[in-house]
């Protein structure tokens, strides 16, 4: 290899690495969560007061007492049935709505027919399971929980906020549990954006993540909160659950008063997830070594 060829290759590699650095930095800044958005233990102190066990909605509750979950059929898998039952037993006064594949499609067809073609066209079932949670939260309000998310505390103290999303790692928010008042403008923004985010990437994992999953909802959060004057009204506010109250990726010492416990299902991941997660954890280090 001649010196000229080597210099050209190194220049191309340097340009790619510089572009990657700029892209990663831009994404991190765009998905940054303002400190004022986080709920704190001062906002939701421990222990829960005795009236937290009341089956009557507390004054100021904006989010209805409904638990939403999704599964392909009426019978939950044995692995997750007890987790789901634990939440319902802790909050027996909450309505429970299980969105099966058939029920989800019927709901979209009846209430949001403009989205049915996109809904049917998703290449992976998890994308329909992602999409339906945004629609039912917008339509009915309530709390959406993945089947691998367990409940350690009643959720009553969270229901006075218009919408709550959990902070995830390395950046952004997650969609494995979400709370929302009905007709919340953030959820409206999410369902209105699904069609424009519907792109097929080369692998399963990024297609799901960026089209309907956590990176999608993180992007919507970034766009929603970047609008001048956000929040325009208290009803349009979105609060963020920190690791200490969310409980995910936290040791018991870091989250002694967490509302949730996590069993880490992620059954939709295929082999490409390992590569993406590896790059997420070590990509920056590899980039600096390469430079």
C-alpha atoms as a PDB file:
ATOM      1  CA  UNK A   1       0.000   0.000   0.000  1.00  0.00           C
ATOM      2  CA  UNK A   2       1.427   3.370  -1.005  1.00  0.00           C
ATOM      3  CA  UNK A   3       1.761   6.270   1.394  1.00  0.00           C
ATOM      4  CA  UNK A   4      -0.828   8.230  -0.610  1.00  0.00           C
ATOM      5  CA  UNK A   5      -3.401   5.419  -0.380  1.00  0.00           C
ATOM      6  CA  UNK A   6      -2.792   5.038   3.354  1.00  0.00           C
ATOM      7  CA  UNK A   7      -3.302   8.753   3.919  1.00  0.00           C
ATOM      8  CA  UNK A   8      -6.562   8.670   1.924  1.00  0.00           C
ATOM      9  CA  UNK A   9      -7.855   5.727   3.972  1.00  0.00           C
ATOM     10  CA  UNK A  10      -6.886   7.381   7.241  1.00  0.00           C
ATOM     11  CA  UNK A  11      -8.566  10.608   6.135  1.00  0.00           C
ATOM     12  CA  UNK A  12     -11.782   8.728   5.312  1.00  0.00           C
ATOM     13  CA  UNK A  13     -11.651   6.920   8.675  1.00  0.00           C
ATOM     14  CA  UNK A  14     -11.020  10.205  10.490  1.00  0.00           C
ATOM     15  CA  UNK A  15     -13.974  11.844   8.749  1.00  0.00           C
ATOM     16  CA  UNK A  16     -16.253   8.939   9.722  1.00  0.00           C
ATOM     17  CA  UNK A  17     -15.060   9.046  13.324  1.00  0.00           C
ATOM     18  CA  UNK A  18     -15.508  12.820  13.502  1.00  0.00           C
ATOM     19  CA  UNK A  19     -19.015  12.509  12.107  1.00  0.00           C
ATOM     20  CA  UNK A  20     -19.796   9.785  14.624  1.00  0.00           C
ATOM     21  CA  UNK A  21     -18.535  11.961  17.470  1.00  0.00           C
ATOM     22  CA  UNK A  22     -20.668  14.904  16.360  1.00  0.00           C
ATOM     23  CA  UNK A  23     -23.723  12.649  15.913  1.00  0.00           C
ATOM     24  CA  UNK A  24     -23.388  11.012  19.336  1.00  0.00           C
ATOM     25  CA  UNK A  25     -22.853  14.365  21.020  1.00  0.00           C
ATOM     26  CA  UNK A  26     -25.847  15.874  19.243  1.00  0.00           C
ATOM     27  CA  UNK A  27     -28.097  12.952  20.217  1.00  0.00           C
ATOM     28  CA  UNK A  28     -26.980  13.154  23.842  1.00  0.00           C
ATOM     29  CA  UNK A  29     -27.724  16.889  23.956  1.00  0.00           C
ATOM     30  CA  UNK A  30     -31.067  16.505  22.192  1.00  0.00           C
ATOM     31  CA  UNK A  31     -32.218  13.716  24.523  1.00  0.00           C
ATOM     32  CA  UNK A  32     -30.931  15.416  27.660  1.00  0.00           C
ATOM     33  CA  UNK A  33     -33.561  15.636  30.403  1.00  0.00           C
ATOM     34  CA  UNK A  34     -33.765  18.889  32.321  1.00  0.00           C
ATOM     35  CA  UNK A  35     -33.195  18.462  36.041  1.00  0.00           C
ATOM     36  CA  UNK A  36     -36.493  20.212  36.817  1.00  0.00           C
ATOM     37  CA  UNK A  37     -38.443  17.435  35.042  1.00  0.00           C
ATOM     38  CA  UNK A  38     -37.427  14.725  37.515  1.00  0.00           C
ATOM     39  CA  UNK A  39     -39.703  13.644  40.325  1.00  0.00           C
ATOM     40  CA  UNK A  40     -37.868  13.366  43.630  1.00  0.00           C
ATOM     41  CA  UNK A  41     -38.372  11.574  46.906  1.00  0.00           C
ATOM     42  CA  UNK A  42     -39.372  14.953  48.321  1.00  0.00           C
ATOM     43  CA  UNK A  43     -42.202  15.062  45.768  1.00  0.00           C
ATOM     44  CA  UNK A  44     -43.239  11.512  46.629  1.00  0.00           C
ATOM     45  CA  UNK A  45     -41.976  10.856  50.151  1.00  0.00           C
ATOM     46  CA  UNK A  46     -41.716   7.479  51.828  1.00  0.00           C
ATOM     47  CA  UNK A  47     -43.577   5.859  53.501  1.00  0.00           C
ATOM     48  CA  UNK A  48     -46.843   6.090  51.625  1.00  0.00           C
ATOM     49  CA  UNK A  49     -49.525   7.662  53.808  1.00  0.00           C
ATOM     50  CA  UNK A  50     -52.475   5.565  55.022  1.00  0.00           C
ATOM     51  CA  UNK A  51     -54.858   7.290  52.592  1.00  0.00           C
ATOM     52  CA  UNK A  52     -52.715   5.943  49.750  1.00  0.00           C
ATOM     53  CA  UNK A  53     -54.593   2.658  50.150  1.00  0.00           C
ATOM     54  CA  UNK A  54     -57.943   4.313  49.518  1.00  0.00           C
ATOM     55  CA  UNK A  55     -60.003   2.795  46.717  1.00  0.00           C
ATOM     56  CA  UNK A  56     -61.472   6.263  46.138  1.00  0.00           C
ATOM     57  CA  UNK A  57     -59.426   8.508  43.814  1.00  0.00           C
ATOM     58  CA  UNK A  58     -57.518  11.143  45.756  1.00  0.00           C
ATOM     59  CA  UNK A  59     -58.149  14.863  45.168  1.00  0.00           C
ATOM     60  CA  UNK A  60     -56.122  16.126  42.234  1.00  0.00           C
ATOM     61  CA  UNK A  61     -55.646  12.786  40.465  1.00  0.00           C
ATOM     62  CA  UNK A  62     -55.322  13.440  36.723  1.00  0.00           C
ATOM     63  CA  UNK A  63     -54.471   9.918  35.607  1.00  0.00           C
ATOM     64  CA  UNK A  64     -57.300   7.362  35.844  1.00  0.00           C
ATOM     65  CA  UNK A  65     -56.825   4.163  37.833  1.00  0.00           C
ATOM     66  CA  UNK A  66     -56.362   1.818  34.887  1.00  0.00           C
ATOM     67  CA  UNK A  67     -53.561  -0.704  34.273  1.00  0.00           C
ATOM     68  CA  UNK A  68     -52.835  -1.532  30.618  1.00  0.00           C
ATOM     69  CA  UNK A  69     -50.749  -4.472  29.388  1.00  0.00           C
ATOM     70  CA  UNK A  70     -50.224  -6.209  26.052  1.00  0.00           C
ATOM     71  CA  UNK A  71     -49.900  -9.847  25.057  1.00  0.00           C
ATOM     72  CA  UNK A  72     -50.672 -11.809  21.901  1.00  0.00           C
ATOM     73  CA  UNK A  73     -53.578 -13.713  23.509  1.00  0.00           C
ATOM     74  CA  UNK A  74     -55.783 -13.729  26.608  1.00  0.00           C
ATOM     75  CA  UNK A  75     -53.648 -16.213  28.553  1.00  0.00           C
ATOM     76  CA  UNK A  76     -50.471 -14.631  29.872  1.00  0.00           C
ATOM     77  CA  UNK A  77     -47.247 -16.660  29.738  1.00  0.00           C
ATOM     78  CA  UNK A  78     -46.601 -18.549  32.976  1.00  0.00           C
ATOM     79  CA  UNK A  79     -43.287 -16.732  33.395  1.00  0.00           C
ATOM     80  CA  UNK A  80     -44.990 -13.327  33.684  1.00  0.00           C
ATOM     81  CA  UNK A  81     -48.488 -14.149  34.944  1.00  0.00           C
ATOM     82  CA  UNK A  82     -47.527 -13.886  38.614  1.00  0.00           C
ATOM     83  CA  UNK A  83     -45.803 -10.533  38.029  1.00  0.00           C
ATOM     84  CA  UNK A  84     -48.936  -9.116  36.429  1.00  0.00           C
ATOM     85  CA  UNK A  85     -51.160 -10.593  39.131  1.00  0.00           C
ATOM     86  CA  UNK A  86     -48.953  -9.026  41.807  1.00  0.00           C
ATOM     87  CA  UNK A  87     -49.678  -5.542  40.434  1.00  0.00           C
ATOM     88  CA  UNK A  88     -53.397  -6.213  40.261  1.00  0.00           C
ATOM     89  CA  UNK A  89     -53.507  -7.640  43.781  1.00  0.00           C
ATOM     90  CA  UNK A  90     -51.671  -4.583  45.106  1.00  0.00           C
ATOM     91  CA  UNK A  91     -54.196  -2.307  43.376  1.00  0.00           C
ATOM     92  CA  UNK A  92     -57.491  -4.231  43.168  1.00  0.00           C
ATOM     93  CA  UNK A  93     -59.435  -0.984  42.708  1.00  0.00           C
ATOM     94  CA  UNK A  94     -57.640  -0.287  39.413  1.00  0.00           C
ATOM     95  CA  UNK A  95     -59.352  -1.425  36.207  1.00  0.00           C
ATOM     96  CA  UNK A  96     -57.283  -3.884  34.170  1.00  0.00           C
ATOM     97  CA  UNK A  97     -57.168  -3.867  30.369  1.00  0.00           C
ATOM     98  CA  UNK A  98     -55.196  -6.551  28.514  1.00  0.00           C
ATOM     99  CA  UNK A  99     -54.602  -5.666  24.880  1.00  0.00           C
ATOM    100  CA  UNK A 100     -54.293  -8.835  22.829  1.00  0.00           C
ATOM    101  CA  UNK A 101     -53.282  -8.803  19.160  1.00  0.00           C
ATOM    102  CA  UNK A 102     -56.937  -9.118  18.112  1.00  0.00           C
ATOM    103  CA  UNK A 103     -58.213  -6.508  20.597  1.00  0.00           C
ATOM    104  CA  UNK A 104     -55.468  -4.068  19.583  1.00  0.00           C
ATOM    105  CA  UNK A 105     -56.294  -4.300  15.894  1.00  0.00           C
ATOM    106  CA  UNK A 106     -60.025  -3.952  16.548  1.00  0.00           C
ATOM    107  CA  UNK A 107     -59.386  -0.884  18.687  1.00  0.00           C
ATOM    108  CA  UNK A 108     -57.299   0.799  15.976  1.00  0.00           C
ATOM    109  CA  UNK A 109     -59.812  -0.133  13.295  1.00  0.00           C
ATOM    110  CA  UNK A 110     -62.706   1.333  15.290  1.00  0.00           C
ATOM    111  CA  UNK A 111     -61.171   4.455  16.811  1.00  0.00           C
ATOM    112  CA  UNK A 112     -58.121   5.344  14.678  1.00  0.00           C
ATOM    113  CA  UNK A 113     -58.722   3.846  11.206  1.00  0.00           C
ATOM    114  CA  UNK A 114     -56.291   6.329   9.649  1.00  0.00           C
ATOM    115  CA  UNK A 115     -53.476   4.345  11.316  1.00  0.00           C
ATOM    116  CA  UNK A 116     -54.650   0.808  10.432  1.00  0.00           C
ATOM    117  CA  UNK A 117     -52.553   0.441   7.270  1.00  0.00           C
ATOM    118  CA  UNK A 118     -49.368   1.382   9.156  1.00  0.00           C
ATOM    119  CA  UNK A 119     -50.356  -0.819  12.095  1.00  0.00           C
ATOM    120  CA  UNK A 120     -50.893  -3.865   9.873  1.00  0.00           C
ATOM    121  CA  UNK A 121     -47.726  -3.143   7.921  1.00  0.00           C
ATOM    122  CA  UNK A 122     -45.286  -3.292  10.830  1.00  0.00           C
ATOM    123  CA  UNK A 123     -42.781  -6.105  10.125  1.00  0.00           C
ATOM    124  CA  UNK A 124     -42.423  -7.175  13.779  1.00  0.00           C
ATOM    125  CA  UNK A 125     -45.240  -7.901  16.279  1.00  0.00           C
ATOM    126  CA  UNK A 126     -43.452  -5.913  19.004  1.00  0.00           C
ATOM    127  CA  UNK A 127     -43.951  -2.776  16.916  1.00  0.00           C
ATOM    128  CA  UNK A 128     -47.724  -3.207  17.127  1.00  0.00           C
ATOM    129  CA  UNK A 129     -47.386  -3.857  20.871  1.00  0.00           C
ATOM    130  CA  UNK A 130     -45.393  -0.617  21.137  1.00  0.00           C
ATOM    131  CA  UNK A 131     -47.826   1.426  19.072  1.00  0.00           C
ATOM    132  CA  UNK A 132     -51.005   0.305  20.824  1.00  0.00           C
ATOM    133  CA  UNK A 133     -49.729   1.475  24.214  1.00  0.00           C
ATOM    134  CA  UNK A 134     -49.475   5.072  22.982  1.00  0.00           C
ATOM    135  CA  UNK A 135     -52.979   4.950  21.510  1.00  0.00           C
ATOM    136  CA  UNK A 136     -54.701   3.481  24.577  1.00  0.00           C
ATOM    137  CA  UNK A 137     -52.919   5.875  26.922  1.00  0.00           C
ATOM    138  CA  UNK A 138     -54.042   8.785  24.778  1.00  0.00           C
ATOM    139  CA  UNK A 139     -57.588   7.409  24.476  1.00  0.00           C
ATOM    140  CA  UNK A 140     -58.271   6.138  28.002  1.00  0.00           C
ATOM    141  CA  UNK A 141     -55.353   7.360  30.089  1.00  0.00           C
ATOM    142  CA  UNK A 142     -53.895   5.193  32.831  1.00  0.00           C
ATOM    143  CA  UNK A 143     -50.678   3.272  33.407  1.00  0.00           C
ATOM    144  CA  UNK A 144     -49.008   1.018  30.850  1.00  0.00           C
ATOM    145  CA  UNK A 145     -46.734  -1.749  32.207  1.00  0.00           C
ATOM    146  CA  UNK A 146     -44.641  -4.300  30.337  1.00  0.00           C
ATOM    147  CA  UNK A 147     -45.254  -7.836  31.580  1.00  0.00           C
ATOM    148  CA  UNK A 148     -41.759  -7.975  33.085  1.00  0.00           C
ATOM    149  CA  UNK A 149     -42.383  -4.890  35.266  1.00  0.00           C
ATOM    150  CA  UNK A 150     -43.563  -5.680  38.803  1.00  0.00           C
ATOM    151  CA  UNK A 151     -45.131  -3.331  41.339  1.00  0.00           C
ATOM    152  CA  UNK A 152     -43.675  -2.638  44.794  1.00  0.00           C
ATOM    153  CA  UNK A 153     -45.857   0.346  45.763  1.00  0.00           C
ATOM    154  CA  UNK A 154     -49.330   1.522  44.868  1.00  0.00           C
ATOM    155  CA  UNK A 155     -49.223   4.096  42.094  1.00  0.00           C
ATOM    156  CA  UNK A 156     -51.733   6.520  43.610  1.00  0.00           C
ATOM    157  CA  UNK A 157     -49.091   9.140  44.463  1.00  0.00           C
ATOM    158  CA  UNK A 158     -48.044   9.320  40.796  1.00  0.00           C
ATOM    159  CA  UNK A 159     -51.534   9.914  39.453  1.00  0.00           C
ATOM    160  CA  UNK A 160     -51.613  13.632  40.301  1.00  0.00           C
ATOM    161  CA  UNK A 161     -49.112  14.345  37.511  1.00  0.00           C
ATOM    162  CA  UNK A 162     -50.417  14.685  33.927  1.00  0.00           C
ATOM    163  CA  UNK A 163     -47.837  12.284  32.467  1.00  0.00           C
ATOM    164  CA  UNK A 164     -44.862  10.339  33.811  1.00  0.00           C
ATOM    165  CA  UNK A 165     -42.097   8.573  31.855  1.00  0.00           C
ATOM    166  CA  UNK A 166     -39.092   6.688  33.270  1.00  0.00           C
ATOM    167  CA  UNK A 167     -35.486   7.709  32.675  1.00  0.00           C
ATOM    168  CA  UNK A 168     -33.476   5.027  30.933  1.00  0.00           C
ATOM    169  CA  UNK A 169     -29.819   4.428  30.100  1.00  0.00           C
ATOM    170  CA  UNK A 170     -27.717   5.586  28.388  1.00  0.00           C
ATOM    171  CA  UNK A 171     -29.997   8.465  27.292  1.00  0.00           C
ATOM    172  CA  UNK A 172     -33.651   9.336  26.970  1.00  0.00           C
ATOM    173  CA  UNK A 173     -36.781   7.770  28.403  1.00  0.00           C
ATOM    174  CA  UNK A 174     -38.275   4.289  28.194  1.00  0.00           C
ATOM    175  CA  UNK A 175     -41.676   3.005  27.095  1.00  0.00           C
ATOM    176  CA  UNK A 176     -41.803  -0.111  29.285  1.00  0.00           C
ATOM    177  CA  UNK A 177     -43.978   1.793  31.751  1.00  0.00           C
ATOM    178  CA  UNK A 178     -45.764   5.069  31.156  1.00  0.00           C
ATOM    179  CA  UNK A 179     -48.489   6.999  32.921  1.00  0.00           C
ATOM    180  CA  UNK A 180     -50.732   9.534  31.201  1.00  0.00           C
ATOM    181  CA  UNK A 181     -53.945  11.445  31.566  1.00  0.00           C
ATOM    182  CA  UNK A 182     -56.397  10.875  28.693  1.00  0.00           C
ATOM    183  CA  UNK A 183     -55.932  13.147  25.679  1.00  0.00           C
ATOM    184  CA  UNK A 184     -52.553  14.338  26.906  1.00  0.00           C
ATOM    185  CA  UNK A 185     -50.827  16.425  24.187  1.00  0.00           C
ATOM    186  CA  UNK A 186     -47.582  14.442  24.548  1.00  0.00           C
ATOM    187  CA  UNK A 187     -49.348  11.184  23.710  1.00  0.00           C
ATOM    188  CA  UNK A 188     -51.120  12.952  20.863  1.00  0.00           C
ATOM    189  CA  UNK A 189     -47.733  13.997  19.526  1.00  0.00           C
ATOM    190  CA  UNK A 190     -46.540  10.386  19.822  1.00  0.00           C
ATOM    191  CA  UNK A 191     -49.422   8.821  17.890  1.00  0.00           C
ATOM    192  CA  UNK A 192     -49.293  11.556  15.249  1.00  0.00           C
ATOM    193  CA  UNK A 193     -45.553  10.906  14.725  1.00  0.00           C
ATOM    194  CA  UNK A 194     -45.611   7.120  14.346  1.00  0.00           C
ATOM    195  CA  UNK A 195     -46.149   7.181  10.584  1.00  0.00           C
ATOM    196  CA  UNK A 196     -43.290   9.605   9.920  1.00  0.00           C
ATOM    197  CA  UNK A 197     -40.950   7.477  12.081  1.00  0.00           C
ATOM    198  CA  UNK A 198     -41.936   4.247  10.300  1.00  0.00           C
ATOM    199  CA  UNK A 199     -38.665   3.274   8.626  1.00  0.00           C
ATOM    200  CA  UNK A 200     -37.028  -0.114   8.162  1.00  0.00           C
ATOM    201  CA  UNK A 201     -33.388  -0.218   9.246  1.00  0.00           C
ATOM    202  CA  UNK A 202     -31.033  -3.030   8.388  1.00  0.00           C
ATOM    203  CA  UNK A 203     -31.620  -4.989  11.600  1.00  0.00           C
ATOM    204  CA  UNK A 204     -34.519  -5.900  13.864  1.00  0.00           C
ATOM    205  CA  UNK A 205     -33.253  -4.019  16.910  1.00  0.00           C
ATOM    206  CA  UNK A 206     -32.759  -0.513  15.461  1.00  0.00           C
ATOM    207  CA  UNK A 207     -35.940  -0.816  13.386  1.00  0.00           C
ATOM    208  CA  UNK A 208     -37.989  -1.398  16.535  1.00  0.00           C
ATOM    209  CA  UNK A 209     -36.054   1.025  18.734  1.00  0.00           C
ATOM    210  CA  UNK A 210     -36.274   3.993  16.364  1.00  0.00           C
ATOM    211  CA  UNK A 211     -39.687   3.375  14.785  1.00  0.00           C
ATOM    212  CA  UNK A 212     -41.857   2.573  17.822  1.00  0.00           C
ATOM    213  CA  UNK A 213     -39.638   1.768  20.822  1.00  0.00           C
ATOM    214  CA  UNK A 214     -37.626   3.687  23.421  1.00  0.00           C
ATOM    215  CA  UNK A 215     -35.614   5.776  20.956  1.00  0.00           C
ATOM    216  CA  UNK A 216     -38.852   6.778  19.241  1.00  0.00           C
ATOM    217  CA  UNK A 217     -40.513   7.940  22.450  1.00  0.00           C
ATOM    218  CA  UNK A 218     -37.256   9.593  23.556  1.00  0.00           C
ATOM    219  CA  UNK A 219     -37.184  11.546  20.282  1.00  0.00           C
ATOM    220  CA  UNK A 220     -40.794  12.597  20.776  1.00  0.00           C
ATOM    221  CA  UNK A 221     -39.940  13.715  24.311  1.00  0.00           C
ATOM    222  CA  UNK A 222     -37.000  15.736  22.985  1.00  0.00           C
ATOM    223  CA  UNK A 223     -39.159  17.384  20.313  1.00  0.00           C
ATOM    224  CA  UNK A 224     -42.045  17.994  22.713  1.00  0.00           C
ATOM    225  CA  UNK A 225     -39.962  19.606  25.454  1.00  0.00           C
ATOM    226  CA  UNK A 226     -37.843  21.671  23.047  1.00  0.00           C
ATOM    227  CA  UNK A 227     -40.846  23.769  22.016  1.00  0.00           C
ATOM    228  CA  UNK A 228     -40.553  27.347  23.241  1.00  0.00           C
ATOM    229  CA  UNK A 229     -42.587  27.928  26.364  1.00  0.00           C
ATOM    230  CA  UNK A 230     -42.878  24.255  27.370  1.00  0.00           C
ATOM    231  CA  UNK A 231     -44.935  23.396  29.327  1.00  0.00           C
ATOM    232  CA  UNK A 232     -47.595  25.802  28.123  1.00  0.00           C
ATOM    233  CA  UNK A 233     -50.008  24.517  30.753  1.00  0.00           C
ATOM    234  CA  UNK A 234     -49.751  22.262  33.784  1.00  0.00           C
ATOM    235  CA  UNK A 235     -51.946  19.743  31.967  1.00  0.00           C
ATOM    236  CA  UNK A 236     -49.326  19.443  29.225  1.00  0.00           C
ATOM    237  CA  UNK A 237     -46.437  18.737  31.581  1.00  0.00           C
ATOM    238  CA  UNK A 238     -44.404  15.507  31.421  1.00  0.00           C
ATOM    239  CA  UNK A 239     -42.478  14.437  34.527  1.00  0.00           C
ATOM    240  CA  UNK A 240     -39.638  11.909  34.591  1.00  0.00           C
ATOM    241  CA  UNK A 241     -39.155   9.077  37.053  1.00  0.00           C
ATOM    242  CA  UNK A 242     -35.476   8.819  38.130  1.00  0.00           C
ATOM    243  CA  UNK A 243     -33.638   5.567  38.709  1.00  0.00           C
ATOM    244  CA  UNK A 244     -34.230   5.777  42.449  1.00  0.00           C
ATOM    245  CA  UNK A 245     -38.020   5.612  41.942  1.00  0.00           C
ATOM    246  CA  UNK A 246     -38.037   3.627  38.695  1.00  0.00           C
ATOM    247  CA  UNK A 247     -35.809   0.881  40.067  1.00  0.00           C
ATOM    248  CA  UNK A 248     -34.413  -0.372  36.739  1.00  0.00           C
ATOM    249  CA  UNK A 249     -30.641  -0.877  36.479  1.00  0.00           C
ATOM    250  CA  UNK A 250     -30.404   0.052  40.153  1.00  0.00           C
ATOM    251  CA  UNK A 251     -29.199  -1.891  43.174  1.00  0.00           C
ATOM    252  CA  UNK A 252     -31.536  -2.178  46.175  1.00  0.00           C
ATOM    253  CA  UNK A 253     -29.395   0.396  47.967  1.00  0.00           C
ATOM    254  CA  UNK A 254     -29.832   2.887  45.108  1.00  0.00           C
ATOM    255  CA  UNK A 255     -33.612   2.513  44.959  1.00  0.00           C
ATOM    256  CA  UNK A 256     -34.990   1.477  48.365  1.00  0.00           C
ATOM    257  CA  UNK A 257     -38.321   3.239  47.696  1.00  0.00           C
ATOM    258  CA  UNK A 258     -38.770   2.352  44.021  1.00  0.00           C
ATOM    259  CA  UNK A 259     -42.300   1.858  42.729  1.00  0.00           C
ATOM    260  CA  UNK A 260     -41.276  -0.975  40.420  1.00  0.00           C
ATOM    261  CA  UNK A 261     -39.107  -4.064  40.170  1.00  0.00           C
ATOM    262  CA  UNK A 262     -37.832  -5.364  36.856  1.00  0.00           C
ATOM    263  CA  UNK A 263     -37.381  -8.891  35.573  1.00  0.00           C
ATOM    264  CA  UNK A 264     -35.767  -7.936  32.236  1.00  0.00           C
ATOM    265  CA  UNK A 265     -37.731  -9.903  29.667  1.00  0.00           C
ATOM    266  CA  UNK A 266     -36.776  -8.209  26.337  1.00  0.00           C
ATOM    267  CA  UNK A 267     -37.964 -11.314  24.512  1.00  0.00           C
ATOM    268  CA  UNK A 268     -38.181  -9.454  21.181  1.00  0.00           C
ATOM    269  CA  UNK A 269     -34.430  -8.869  20.944  1.00  0.00           C
ATOM    270  CA  UNK A 270     -32.664 -10.860  18.276  1.00  0.00           C
ATOM    271  CA  UNK A 271     -28.932 -11.465  17.908  1.00  0.00           C
ATOM    272  CA  UNK A 272     -28.320  -7.992  16.492  1.00  0.00           C
ATOM    273  CA  UNK A 273     -29.265  -6.480  19.866  1.00  0.00           C
ATOM    274  CA  UNK A 274     -25.985  -7.713  21.334  1.00  0.00           C
ATOM    275  CA  UNK A 275     -23.949  -5.743  18.816  1.00  0.00           C
ATOM    276  CA  UNK A 276     -26.028  -2.591  19.262  1.00  0.00           C
ATOM    277  CA  UNK A 277     -25.862  -2.777  23.059  1.00  0.00           C
ATOM    278  CA  UNK A 278     -22.110  -3.445  22.896  1.00  0.00           C
ATOM    279  CA  UNK A 279     -21.599  -0.376  20.736  1.00  0.00           C
ATOM    280  CA  UNK A 280     -23.805   1.618  23.087  1.00  0.00           C
ATOM    281  CA  UNK A 281     -21.602   0.652  26.021  1.00  0.00           C
ATOM    282  CA  UNK A 282     -18.168   0.713  24.413  1.00  0.00           C
ATOM    283  CA  UNK A 283     -18.576   2.622  21.139  1.00  0.00           C
ATOM    284  CA  UNK A 284     -17.160   5.874  22.501  1.00  0.00           C
ATOM    285  CA  UNK A 285     -14.143   4.105  23.995  1.00  0.00           C
ATOM    286  CA  UNK A 286     -13.493   2.291  20.694  1.00  0.00           C
ATOM    287  CA  UNK A 287     -13.783   5.606  18.859  1.00  0.00           C
ATOM    288  CA  UNK A 288     -11.191   7.297  21.086  1.00  0.00           C
ATOM    289  CA  UNK A 289      -8.820   4.324  20.770  1.00  0.00           C
ATOM    290  CA  UNK A 290      -9.207   4.485  17.002  1.00  0.00           C
ATOM    291  CA  UNK A 291      -8.472   8.207  16.979  1.00  0.00           C
END
